[in-house]
PDB file of all heavy atoms in Angstrom:
ATOM      1  N   GLN A   1    -178.761  57.519 -35.664  1.00  0.00           N
ATOM      2  CA  GLN A   1    -178.246  56.111 -35.626  1.00  0.00           C
ATOM      3  C   GLN A   1    -179.523  55.236 -35.465  1.00  0.00           C
ATOM      4  O   GLN A   1    -180.387  55.459 -34.629  1.00  0.00           O
ATOM      5  CB  GLN A   1    -177.303  55.817 -34.545  1.00  0.00           C
ATOM      6  CG  GLN A   1    -176.847  54.534 -34.462  1.00  0.00           C
ATOM      7  CD  GLN A   1    -175.883  54.234 -33.356  1.00  0.00           C
ATOM      8  OE1 GLN A   1    -175.633  55.086 -32.530  1.00  0.00           O
ATOM      9  NE2 GLN A   1    -175.314  53.071 -33.170  1.00  0.00           N
ATOM     10  N   VAL A   2    -179.667  54.309 -36.436  1.00  0.00           N
ATOM     11  CA  VAL A   2    -180.759  53.393 -36.309  1.00  0.00           C
ATOM     12  C   VAL A   2    -180.517  52.188 -35.264  1.00  0.00           C
ATOM     13  O   VAL A   2    -179.492  51.547 -35.441  1.00  0.00           O
ATOM     14  CB  VAL A   2    -181.083  52.726 -37.715  1.00  0.00           C
ATOM     15  CG1 VAL A   2    -182.213  51.748 -37.635  1.00  0.00           C
ATOM     16  CG2 VAL A   2    -181.411  53.911 -38.667  1.00  0.00           C
ATOM     17  N   GLN A   3    -181.309  51.951 -34.411  1.00  0.00           N
ATOM     18  CA  GLN A   3    -181.205  50.763 -33.486  1.00  0.00           C
ATOM     19  C   GLN A   3    -182.447  50.064 -33.427  1.00  0.00           C
ATOM     20  O   GLN A   3    -183.525  50.621 -33.425  1.00  0.00           O
ATOM     21  CB  GLN A   3    -180.837  51.216 -32.111  1.00  0.00           C
ATOM     22  CG  GLN A   3    -179.425  51.653 -31.844  1.00  0.00           C
ATOM     23  CD  GLN A   3    -178.953  51.914 -30.446  1.00  0.00           C
ATOM     24  OE1 GLN A   3    -179.685  52.489 -29.604  1.00  0.00           O
ATOM     25  NE2 GLN A   3    -177.860  51.296 -30.079  1.00  0.00           N
ATOM     26  N   LEU A   4    -182.352  48.710 -33.677  1.00  0.00           N
ATOM     27  CA  LEU A   4    -183.550  47.869 -33.696  1.00  0.00           C
ATOM     28  C   LEU A   4    -183.265  46.663 -32.896  1.00  0.00           C
ATOM     29  O   LEU A   4    -182.291  46.099 -32.930  1.00  0.00           O
ATOM     30  CB  LEU A   4    -183.754  47.346 -35.286  1.00  0.00           C
ATOM     31  CG  LEU A   4    -183.907  48.558 -36.164  1.00  0.00           C
ATOM     32  CD1 LEU A   4    -183.592  48.070 -37.686  1.00  0.00           C
ATOM     33  CD2 LEU A   4    -185.352  49.136 -36.211  1.00  0.00           C
ATOM     34  N   VAL A   5    -184.301  46.340 -32.096  1.00  0.00           N
ATOM     35  CA  VAL A   5    -184.184  45.140 -31.041  1.00  0.00           C
ATOM     36  C   VAL A   5    -185.382  44.410 -31.362  1.00  0.00           C
ATOM     37  O   VAL A   5    -186.469  44.772 -31.045  1.00  0.00           O
ATOM     38  CB  VAL A   5    -184.012  45.522 -29.720  1.00  0.00           C
ATOM     39  CG1 VAL A   5    -183.971  44.415 -28.815  1.00  0.00           C
ATOM     40  CG2 VAL A   5    -182.875  46.513 -29.477  1.00  0.00           C
ATOM     41  N   GLU A   6    -185.043  43.106 -31.789  1.00  0.00           N
ATOM     42  CA  GLU A   6    -186.262  42.166 -32.079  1.00  0.00           C
ATOM     43  C   GLU A   6    -186.413  41.180 -30.950  1.00  0.00           C
ATOM     44  O   GLU A   6    -185.384  40.962 -30.225  1.00  0.00           O
ATOM     45  CB  GLU A   6    -185.910  41.410 -33.338  1.00  0.00           C
ATOM     46  CG  GLU A   6    -185.782  42.230 -34.686  1.00  0.00           C
ATOM     47  CD  GLU A   6    -184.318  42.666 -34.854  1.00  0.00           C
ATOM     48  OE1 GLU A   6    -183.548  42.445 -34.002  1.00  0.00           O
ATOM     49  OE2 GLU A   6    -184.140  43.109 -35.987  1.00  0.00           O
ATOM     50  N   SER A   7    -187.587  40.727 -30.665  1.00  0.00           N
ATOM     51  CA  SER A   7    -187.831  39.774 -29.556  1.00  0.00           C
ATOM     52  C   SER A   7    -189.053  39.054 -29.840  1.00  0.00           C
ATOM     53  O   SER A   7    -189.841  39.277 -30.810  1.00  0.00           O
ATOM     54  CB  SER A   7    -187.911  40.501 -28.210  1.00  0.00           C
ATOM     55  OG  SER A   7    -189.118  41.290 -28.274  1.00  0.00           O
ATOM     56  N   GLY A   8    -189.383  37.942 -29.178  1.00  0.00           N
ATOM     57  CA  GLY A   8    -190.566  37.095 -29.279  1.00  0.00           C
ATOM     58  C   GLY A   8    -190.453  35.889 -29.929  1.00  0.00           C
ATOM     59  O   GLY A   8    -191.357  35.063 -30.022  1.00  0.00           O
ATOM     60  N   GLY A   9    -189.284  35.470 -30.458  1.00  0.00           N
ATOM     61  CA  GLY A   9    -189.077  34.232 -31.178  1.00  0.00           C
ATOM     62  C   GLY A   9    -189.132  33.135 -30.241  1.00  0.00           C
ATOM     63  O   GLY A   9    -189.138  33.231 -28.984  1.00  0.00           O
ATOM     64  N   GLY A  10    -188.977  31.864 -30.753  1.00  0.00           N
ATOM     65  CA  GLY A  10    -189.035  30.661 -29.904  1.00  0.00           C
ATOM     66  C   GLY A  10    -189.258  29.358 -30.675  1.00  0.00           C
ATOM     67  O   GLY A  10    -189.216  29.428 -31.891  1.00  0.00           O
ATOM     68  N   LEU A  11    -189.363  28.288 -29.983  1.00  0.00           N
ATOM     69  CA  LEU A  11    -189.697  27.010 -30.599  1.00  0.00           C
ATOM     70  C   LEU A  11    -191.227  26.824 -30.544  1.00  0.00           C
ATOM     71  O   LEU A  11    -191.840  26.937 -29.456  1.00  0.00           O
ATOM     72  CB  LEU A  11    -189.049  25.925 -29.879  1.00  0.00           C
ATOM     73  CG  LEU A  11    -189.302  24.478 -30.233  1.00  0.00           C
ATOM     74  CD1 LEU A  11    -188.909  24.206 -31.772  1.00  0.00           C
ATOM     75  CD2 LEU A  11    -188.622  23.610 -29.355  1.00  0.00           C
ATOM     76  N   VAL A  12    -191.843  26.516 -31.711  1.00  0.00           N
ATOM     77  CA  VAL A  12    -193.248  26.346 -31.775  1.00  0.00           C
ATOM     78  C   VAL A  12    -193.540  25.085 -32.660  1.00  0.00           C
ATOM     79  O   VAL A  12    -192.868  24.874 -33.582  1.00  0.00           O
ATOM     80  CB  VAL A  12    -193.871  27.547 -32.126  1.00  0.00           C
ATOM     81  CG1 VAL A  12    -193.515  28.008 -33.634  1.00  0.00           C
ATOM     82  CG2 VAL A  12    -195.571  27.373 -32.113  1.00  0.00           C
ATOM     83  N   GLN A  13    -194.628  24.419 -32.444  1.00  0.00           N
ATOM     84  CA  GLN A  13    -194.976  23.349 -33.246  1.00  0.00           C
ATOM     85  C   GLN A  13    -195.726  23.757 -34.468  1.00  0.00           C
ATOM     86  O   GLN A  13    -196.263  24.896 -34.454  1.00  0.00           O
ATOM     87  CB  GLN A  13    -195.991  22.342 -32.411  1.00  0.00           C
ATOM     88  CG  GLN A  13    -195.273  21.547 -31.327  1.00  0.00           C
ATOM     89  CD  GLN A  13    -196.243  20.667 -30.624  1.00  0.00           C
ATOM     90  OE1 GLN A  13    -197.465  20.672 -30.749  1.00  0.00           O
ATOM     91  NE2 GLN A  13    -195.682  19.653 -29.933  1.00  0.00           N
ATOM     92  N   PRO A  14    -195.709  23.007 -35.498  1.00  0.00           N
ATOM     93  CA  PRO A  14    -196.410  23.364 -36.758  1.00  0.00           C
ATOM     94  C   PRO A  14    -197.888  23.561 -36.441  1.00  0.00           C
ATOM     95  O   PRO A  14    -198.561  22.916 -35.615  1.00  0.00           O
ATOM     96  CB  PRO A  14    -196.299  22.115 -37.630  1.00  0.00           C
ATOM     97  CG  PRO A  14    -195.021  21.504 -37.233  1.00  0.00           C
ATOM     98  CD  PRO A  14    -194.862  21.789 -35.716  1.00  0.00           C
ATOM     99  N   GLY A  15    -198.370  24.744 -37.022  1.00  0.00           N
ATOM    100  CA  GLY A  15    -199.814  25.157 -36.721  1.00  0.00           C
ATOM    101  C   GLY A  15    -199.896  26.025 -35.621  1.00  0.00           C
ATOM    102  O   GLY A  15    -200.894  26.672 -35.320  1.00  0.00           O
ATOM    103  N   GLY A  16    -198.811  26.323 -34.866  1.00  0.00           N
ATOM    104  CA  GLY A  16    -198.871  27.177 -33.791  1.00  0.00           C
ATOM    105  C   GLY A  16    -198.661  28.633 -34.107  1.00  0.00           C
ATOM    106  O   GLY A  16    -198.604  29.000 -35.329  1.00  0.00           O
ATOM    107  N   SER A  17    -198.600  29.535 -33.080  1.00  0.00           N
ATOM    108  CA  SER A  17    -198.497  30.927 -33.300  1.00  0.00           C
ATOM    109  C   SER A  17    -197.422  31.530 -32.494  1.00  0.00           C
ATOM    110  O   SER A  17    -197.018  31.043 -31.442  1.00  0.00           O
ATOM    111  CB  SER A  17    -199.872  31.586 -32.923  1.00  0.00           C
ATOM    112  OG  SER A  17    -200.956  31.129 -33.675  1.00  0.00           O
ATOM    113  N   LEU A  18    -196.898  32.763 -32.850  1.00  0.00           N
ATOM    114  CA  LEU A  18    -195.925  33.491 -32.174  1.00  0.00           C
ATOM    115  C   LEU A  18    -196.202  35.030 -32.578  1.00  0.00           C
ATOM    116  O   LEU A  18    -196.659  35.276 -33.776  1.00  0.00           O
ATOM    117  CB  LEU A  18    -194.572  33.206 -32.538  1.00  0.00           C
ATOM    118  CG  LEU A  18    -193.812  31.889 -32.023  1.00  0.00           C
ATOM    119  CD1 LEU A  18    -192.503  31.798 -32.684  1.00  0.00           C
ATOM    120  CD2 LEU A  18    -193.822  31.991 -30.529  1.00  0.00           C
ATOM    121  N   ARG A  19    -195.826  35.852 -31.649  1.00  0.00           N
ATOM    122  CA  ARG A  19    -195.843  37.291 -32.037  1.00  0.00           C
ATOM    123  C   ARG A  19    -194.459  37.967 -31.744  1.00  0.00           C
ATOM    124  O   ARG A  19    -194.009  37.820 -30.631  1.00  0.00           O
ATOM    125  CB  ARG A  19    -196.905  37.988 -31.080  1.00  0.00           C
ATOM    126  CG  ARG A  19    -197.208  39.419 -31.438  1.00  0.00           C
ATOM    127  CD  ARG A  19    -198.027  40.169 -30.454  1.00  0.00           C
ATOM    128  NE  ARG A  19    -198.504  41.496 -30.815  1.00  0.00           N
ATOM    129  CZ  ARG A  19    -198.531  42.537 -29.966  1.00  0.00           C
ATOM    130  NH1 ARG A  19    -198.273  42.475 -28.837  1.00  0.00           N
ATOM    131  NH2 ARG A  19    -198.985  43.702 -30.617  1.00  0.00           N
ATOM    132  N   LEU A  20    -193.976  38.357 -32.729  1.00  0.00           N
ATOM    133  CA  LEU A  20    -192.778  39.056 -32.758  1.00  0.00           C
ATOM    134  C   LEU A  20    -192.858  40.561 -32.461  1.00  0.00           C
ATOM    135  O   LEU A  20    -193.856  41.183 -32.950  1.00  0.00           O
ATOM    136  CB  LEU A  20    -191.895  38.858 -34.031  1.00  0.00           C
ATOM    137  CG  LEU A  20    -191.668  37.468 -34.534  1.00  0.00           C
ATOM    138  CD1 LEU A  20    -190.779  37.345 -35.798  1.00  0.00           C
ATOM    139  CD2 LEU A  20    -191.156  36.598 -33.359  1.00  0.00           C
ATOM    140  N   SER A  21    -191.844  41.233 -31.809  1.00  0.00           N
ATOM    141  CA  SER A  21    -191.812  42.621 -31.554  1.00  0.00           C
ATOM    142  C   SER A  21    -190.533  43.196 -31.947  1.00  0.00           C
ATOM    143  O   SER A  21    -189.492  42.498 -31.857  1.00  0.00           O
ATOM    144  CB  SER A  21    -192.068  42.865 -30.014  1.00  0.00           C
ATOM    145  OG  SER A  21    -193.310  42.335 -29.550  1.00  0.00           O
ATOM    146  N   CYS A  22    -190.513  44.386 -32.338  1.00  0.00           N
ATOM    147  CA  CYS A  22    -189.380  45.139 -32.681  1.00  0.00           C
ATOM    148  C   CYS A  22    -189.418  46.614 -32.111  1.00  0.00           C
ATOM    149  O   CYS A  22    -190.428  47.241 -32.420  1.00  0.00           O
ATOM    150  CB  CYS A  22    -189.217  45.208 -34.337  1.00  0.00           C
ATOM    151  SG  CYS A  22    -188.034  46.392 -34.831  1.00  0.00           S
ATOM    152  N   ALA A  23    -188.419  46.912 -31.420  1.00  0.00           N
ATOM    153  CA  ALA A  23    -188.325  48.185 -30.785  1.00  0.00           C
ATOM    154  C   ALA A  23    -187.375  49.013 -31.514  1.00  0.00           C
ATOM    155  O   ALA A  23    -186.169  48.600 -31.669  1.00  0.00           O
ATOM    156  CB  ALA A  23    -187.909  48.081 -29.334  1.00  0.00           C
ATOM    157  N   ALA A  24    -187.812  50.138 -32.100  1.00  0.00           N
ATOM    158  CA  ALA A  24    -186.949  50.980 -32.786  1.00  0.00           C
ATOM    159  C   ALA A  24    -186.496  52.250 -32.023  1.00  0.00           C
ATOM    160  O   ALA A  24    -187.422  52.808 -31.248  1.00  0.00           O
ATOM    161  CB  ALA A  24    -187.670  51.474 -34.145  1.00  0.00           C
ATOM    162  N   SER A  25    -185.461  52.622 -32.193  1.00  0.00           N
ATOM    163  CA  SER A  25    -184.913  53.859 -31.500  1.00  0.00           C
ATOM    164  C   SER A  25    -184.248  54.849 -32.344  1.00  0.00           C
ATOM    165  O   SER A  25    -183.011  55.101 -32.308  1.00  0.00           O
ATOM    166  CB  SER A  25    -183.966  53.572 -30.362  1.00  0.00           C
ATOM    167  OG  SER A  25    -182.899  52.810 -30.808  1.00  0.00           O
ATOM    168  N   PHE A  26    -185.033  55.319 -33.394  1.00  0.00           N
ATOM    169  CA  PHE A  26    -184.418  56.373 -34.308  1.00  0.00           C
ATOM    170  C   PHE A  26    -185.565  57.443 -34.483  1.00  0.00           C
ATOM    171  O   PHE A  26    -186.779  57.126 -34.309  1.00  0.00           O
ATOM    172  CB  PHE A  26    -183.940  55.856 -35.609  1.00  0.00           C
ATOM    173  CG  PHE A  26    -185.013  55.066 -36.397  1.00  0.00           C
ATOM    174  CD1 PHE A  26    -185.876  55.728 -37.208  1.00  0.00           C
ATOM    175  CD2 PHE A  26    -185.200  53.675 -36.229  1.00  0.00           C
ATOM    176  CE1 PHE A  26    -186.830  54.990 -37.959  1.00  0.00           C
ATOM    177  CE2 PHE A  26    -186.094  52.903 -36.966  1.00  0.00           C
ATOM    178  CZ  PHE A  26    -187.003  53.676 -37.860  1.00  0.00           C
ATOM    179  N   GLY A  27    -185.094  58.639 -34.879  1.00  0.00           N
ATOM    180  CA  GLY A  27    -186.152  59.771 -34.979  1.00  0.00           C
ATOM    181  C   GLY A  27    -186.944  59.650 -36.098  1.00  0.00           C
ATOM    182  O   GLY A  27    -186.659  58.820 -37.055  1.00  0.00           O
ATOM    183  N   ALA A  28    -188.077  60.348 -36.080  1.00  0.00           N
ATOM    184  CA  ALA A  28    -189.013  60.372 -37.221  1.00  0.00           C
ATOM    185  C   ALA A  28    -189.504  59.042 -37.586  1.00  0.00           C
ATOM    186  O   ALA A  28    -189.710  58.762 -38.841  1.00  0.00           O
ATOM    187  CB  ALA A  28    -188.398  61.049 -38.400  1.00  0.00           C
ATOM    188  N   PHE A  29    -189.682  58.203 -36.699  1.00  0.00           N
ATOM    189  CA  PHE A  29    -190.144  56.742 -36.934  1.00  0.00           C
ATOM    190  C   PHE A  29    -191.349  56.794 -37.821  1.00  0.00           C
ATOM    191  O   PHE A  29    -191.479  55.903 -38.707  1.00  0.00           O
ATOM    192  CB  PHE A  29    -190.370  56.074 -35.500  1.00  0.00           C
ATOM    193  CG  PHE A  29    -190.973  54.622 -35.810  1.00  0.00           C
ATOM    194  CD1 PHE A  29    -190.157  53.528 -35.990  1.00  0.00           C
ATOM    195  CD2 PHE A  29    -192.318  54.488 -35.528  1.00  0.00           C
ATOM    196  CE1 PHE A  29    -190.680  52.359 -36.186  1.00  0.00           C
ATOM    197  CE2 PHE A  29    -192.914  53.203 -35.556  1.00  0.00           C
ATOM    198  CZ  PHE A  29    -192.090  52.131 -35.920  1.00  0.00           C
ATOM    199  N   THR A  30    -192.346  57.714 -37.538  1.00  0.00           N
ATOM    200  CA  THR A  30    -193.586  57.587 -38.195  1.00  0.00           C
ATOM    201  C   THR A  30    -193.476  57.862 -39.711  1.00  0.00           C
ATOM    202  O   THR A  30    -194.354  57.374 -40.393  1.00  0.00           O
ATOM    203  CB  THR A  30    -194.466  58.699 -37.647  1.00  0.00           C
ATOM    204  OG1 THR A  30    -193.817  59.963 -37.629  1.00  0.00           O
ATOM    205  CG2 THR A  30    -194.787  58.431 -36.149  1.00  0.00           C
ATOM    206  N   ILE A  31    -192.458  58.419 -40.300  1.00  0.00           N
ATOM    207  CA  ILE A  31    -192.380  58.681 -41.749  1.00  0.00           C
ATOM    208  C   ILE A  31    -191.873  57.611 -42.436  1.00  0.00           C
ATOM    209  O   ILE A  31    -191.913  57.493 -43.764  1.00  0.00           O
ATOM    210  CB  ILE A  31    -191.579  59.947 -41.932  1.00  0.00           C
ATOM    211  CG1 ILE A  31    -190.055  59.767 -41.679  1.00  0.00           C
ATOM    212  CG2 ILE A  31    -192.140  61.099 -41.146  1.00  0.00           C
ATOM    213  CD1 ILE A  31    -189.237  60.835 -42.235  1.00  0.00           C
ATOM    214  N   TYR A  32    -191.264  56.506 -41.758  1.00  0.00           N
ATOM    215  CA  TYR A  32    -190.696  55.466 -42.523  1.00  0.00           C
ATOM    216  C   TYR A  32    -191.552  54.273 -42.630  1.00  0.00           C
ATOM    217  O   TYR A  32    -192.281  53.806 -41.758  1.00  0.00           O
ATOM    218  CB  TYR A  32    -189.427  54.991 -41.741  1.00  0.00           C
ATOM    219  CG  TYR A  32    -188.338  56.014 -41.747  1.00  0.00           C
ATOM    220  CD1 TYR A  32    -188.032  56.821 -40.785  1.00  0.00           C
ATOM    221  CD2 TYR A  32    -187.455  56.167 -42.865  1.00  0.00           C
ATOM    222  CE1 TYR A  32    -187.106  57.780 -40.773  1.00  0.00           C
ATOM    223  CE2 TYR A  32    -186.467  57.098 -42.977  1.00  0.00           C
ATOM    224  CZ  TYR A  32    -186.300  57.896 -41.867  1.00  0.00           C
ATOM    225  OH  TYR A  32    -185.267  58.881 -41.896  1.00  0.00           O
ATOM    226  N   SER A  33    -191.351  53.527 -43.822  1.00  0.00           N
ATOM    227  CA  SER A  33    -191.962  52.265 -43.963  1.00  0.00           C
ATOM    228  C   SER A  33    -191.134  51.331 -43.227  1.00  0.00           C
ATOM    229  O   SER A  33    -189.894  51.321 -43.324  1.00  0.00           O
ATOM    230  CB  SER A  33    -192.071  51.866 -45.400  1.00  0.00           C
ATOM    231  OG  SER A  33    -193.052  52.740 -46.098  1.00  0.00           O
ATOM    232  N   MET A  34    -191.783  50.349 -42.578  1.00  0.00           N
ATOM    233  CA  MET A  34    -191.012  49.299 -41.703  1.00  0.00           C
ATOM    234  C   MET A  34    -191.282  47.956 -42.267  1.00  0.00           C
ATOM    235  O   MET A  34    -192.401  47.679 -42.880  1.00  0.00           O
ATOM    236  CB  MET A  34    -191.280  49.408 -40.249  1.00  0.00           C
ATOM    237  CG  MET A  34    -191.007  50.774 -39.657  1.00  0.00           C
ATOM    238  SD  MET A  34    -189.143  50.921 -39.721  1.00  0.00           S
ATOM    239  CE  MET A  34    -188.584  49.696 -38.584  1.00  0.00           C
ATOM    240  N   ALA A  35    -190.491  47.002 -42.067  1.00  0.00           N
ATOM    241  CA  ALA A  35    -190.707  45.704 -42.627  1.00  0.00           C
ATOM    242  C   ALA A  35    -190.034  44.573 -41.652  1.00  0.00           C
ATOM    243  O   ALA A  35    -189.149  44.869 -40.836  1.00  0.00           O
ATOM    244  CB  ALA A  35    -190.064  45.482 -43.961  1.00  0.00           C
ATOM    245  N   TRP A  36    -190.548  43.375 -41.910  1.00  0.00           N
ATOM    246  CA  TRP A  36    -190.022  42.225 -41.276  1.00  0.00           C
ATOM    247  C   TRP A  36    -189.267  41.461 -42.374  1.00  0.00           C
ATOM    248  O   TRP A  36    -189.871  41.285 -43.439  1.00  0.00           O
ATOM    249  CB  TRP A  36    -190.981  41.332 -40.494  1.00  0.00           C
ATOM    250  CG  TRP A  36    -191.416  41.880 -39.160  1.00  0.00           C
ATOM    251  CD1 TRP A  36    -192.492  42.677 -38.979  1.00  0.00           C
ATOM    252  CD2 TRP A  36    -190.662  41.743 -37.990  1.00  0.00           C
ATOM    253  NE1 TRP A  36    -192.521  42.945 -37.511  1.00  0.00           N
ATOM    254  CE2 TRP A  36    -191.450  42.336 -36.963  1.00  0.00           C
ATOM    255  CE3 TRP A  36    -189.674  40.968 -37.480  1.00  0.00           C
ATOM    256  CZ2 TRP A  36    -191.106  42.377 -35.649  1.00  0.00           C
ATOM    257  CZ3 TRP A  36    -189.172  40.970 -36.188  1.00  0.00           C
ATOM    258  CH2 TRP A  36    -189.888  41.706 -35.220  1.00  0.00           C
ATOM    259  N   TYR A  37    -188.045  40.997 -41.995  1.00  0.00           N
ATOM    260  CA  TYR A  37    -187.284  40.156 -42.923  1.00  0.00           C
ATOM    261  C   TYR A  37    -186.979  38.889 -42.242  1.00  0.00           C
ATOM    262  O   TYR A  37    -187.009  38.794 -41.015  1.00  0.00           O
ATOM    263  CB  TYR A  37    -185.957  40.839 -43.289  1.00  0.00           C
ATOM    264  CG  TYR A  37    -186.190  42.339 -44.007  1.00  0.00           C
ATOM    265  CD1 TYR A  37    -186.395  43.353 -43.093  1.00  0.00           C
ATOM    266  CD2 TYR A  37    -186.016  42.521 -45.404  1.00  0.00           C
ATOM    267  CE1 TYR A  37    -186.616  44.696 -43.717  1.00  0.00           C
ATOM    268  CE2 TYR A  37    -186.203  43.719 -45.872  1.00  0.00           C
ATOM    269  CZ  TYR A  37    -186.455  44.830 -45.155  1.00  0.00           C
ATOM    270  OH  TYR A  37    -186.618  46.026 -45.679  1.00  0.00           O
ATOM    271  N   ARG A  38    -186.542  37.879 -43.112  1.00  0.00           N
ATOM    272  CA  ARG A  38    -186.066  36.660 -42.406  1.00  0.00           C
ATOM    273  C   ARG A  38    -185.031  36.001 -43.187  1.00  0.00           C
ATOM    274  O   ARG A  38    -184.834  36.156 -44.386  1.00  0.00           O
ATOM    275  CB  ARG A  38    -187.259  35.621 -42.211  1.00  0.00           C
ATOM    276  CG  ARG A  38    -187.906  35.077 -43.452  1.00  0.00           C
ATOM    277  CD  ARG A  38    -188.993  34.234 -43.176  1.00  0.00           C
ATOM    278  NE  ARG A  38    -189.621  33.584 -44.378  1.00  0.00           N
ATOM    279  CZ  ARG A  38    -190.829  32.904 -44.315  1.00  0.00           C
ATOM    280  NH1 ARG A  38    -191.481  32.728 -43.193  1.00  0.00           N
ATOM    281  NH2 ARG A  38    -191.211  32.344 -45.484  1.00  0.00           N
ATOM    282  N   GLN A  39    -184.177  35.231 -42.452  1.00  0.00           N
ATOM    283  CA  GLN A  39    -183.105  34.528 -43.153  1.00  0.00           C
ATOM    284  C   GLN A  39    -183.022  33.101 -42.653  1.00  0.00           C
ATOM    285  O   GLN A  39    -182.789  32.992 -41.411  1.00  0.00           O
ATOM    286  CB  GLN A  39    -181.790  35.239 -42.930  1.00  0.00           C
ATOM    287  CG  GLN A  39    -180.597  34.606 -43.766  1.00  0.00           C
ATOM    288  CD  GLN A  39    -179.365  35.494 -43.787  1.00  0.00           C
ATOM    289  OE1 GLN A  39    -179.206  36.442 -42.933  1.00  0.00           O
ATOM    290  NE2 GLN A  39    -178.494  35.253 -44.759  1.00  0.00           N
ATOM    291  N   ALA A  40    -183.265  32.184 -43.421  1.00  0.00           N
ATOM    292  CA  ALA A  40    -183.229  30.782 -43.094  1.00  0.00           C
ATOM    293  C   ALA A  40    -181.763  30.255 -43.338  1.00  0.00           C
ATOM    294  O   ALA A  40    -181.090  30.894 -44.132  1.00  0.00           O
ATOM    295  CB  ALA A  40    -184.165  29.978 -43.921  1.00  0.00           C
ATOM    296  N   PRO A  41    -181.430  29.176 -42.710  1.00  0.00           N
ATOM    297  CA  PRO A  41    -180.041  28.649 -42.848  1.00  0.00           C
ATOM    298  C   PRO A  41    -179.658  28.310 -44.252  1.00  0.00           C
ATOM    299  O   PRO A  41    -180.489  27.707 -45.045  1.00  0.00           O
ATOM    300  CB  PRO A  41    -180.085  27.415 -42.014  1.00  0.00           C
ATOM    301  CG  PRO A  41    -181.160  27.670 -40.955  1.00  0.00           C
ATOM    302  CD  PRO A  41    -182.166  28.385 -41.664  1.00  0.00           C
ATOM    303  N   GLY A  42    -178.497  28.904 -44.786  1.00  0.00           N
ATOM    304  CA  GLY A  42    -178.215  28.637 -46.151  1.00  0.00           C
ATOM    305  C   GLY A  42    -178.801  29.414 -47.229  1.00  0.00           C
ATOM    306  O   GLY A  42    -178.620  29.310 -48.538  1.00  0.00           O
TER     307      GLY A  42
END
């Protein structure tokens, strides 16, 4: 079973920075390509 928990988001001003983290809890993690995706409203 794949479990993924994302964190680190927030409100930031234009030009600012954030660092997102993702904790994965599935086996053989090292063999998989991983990615960040995003979905904006609409």
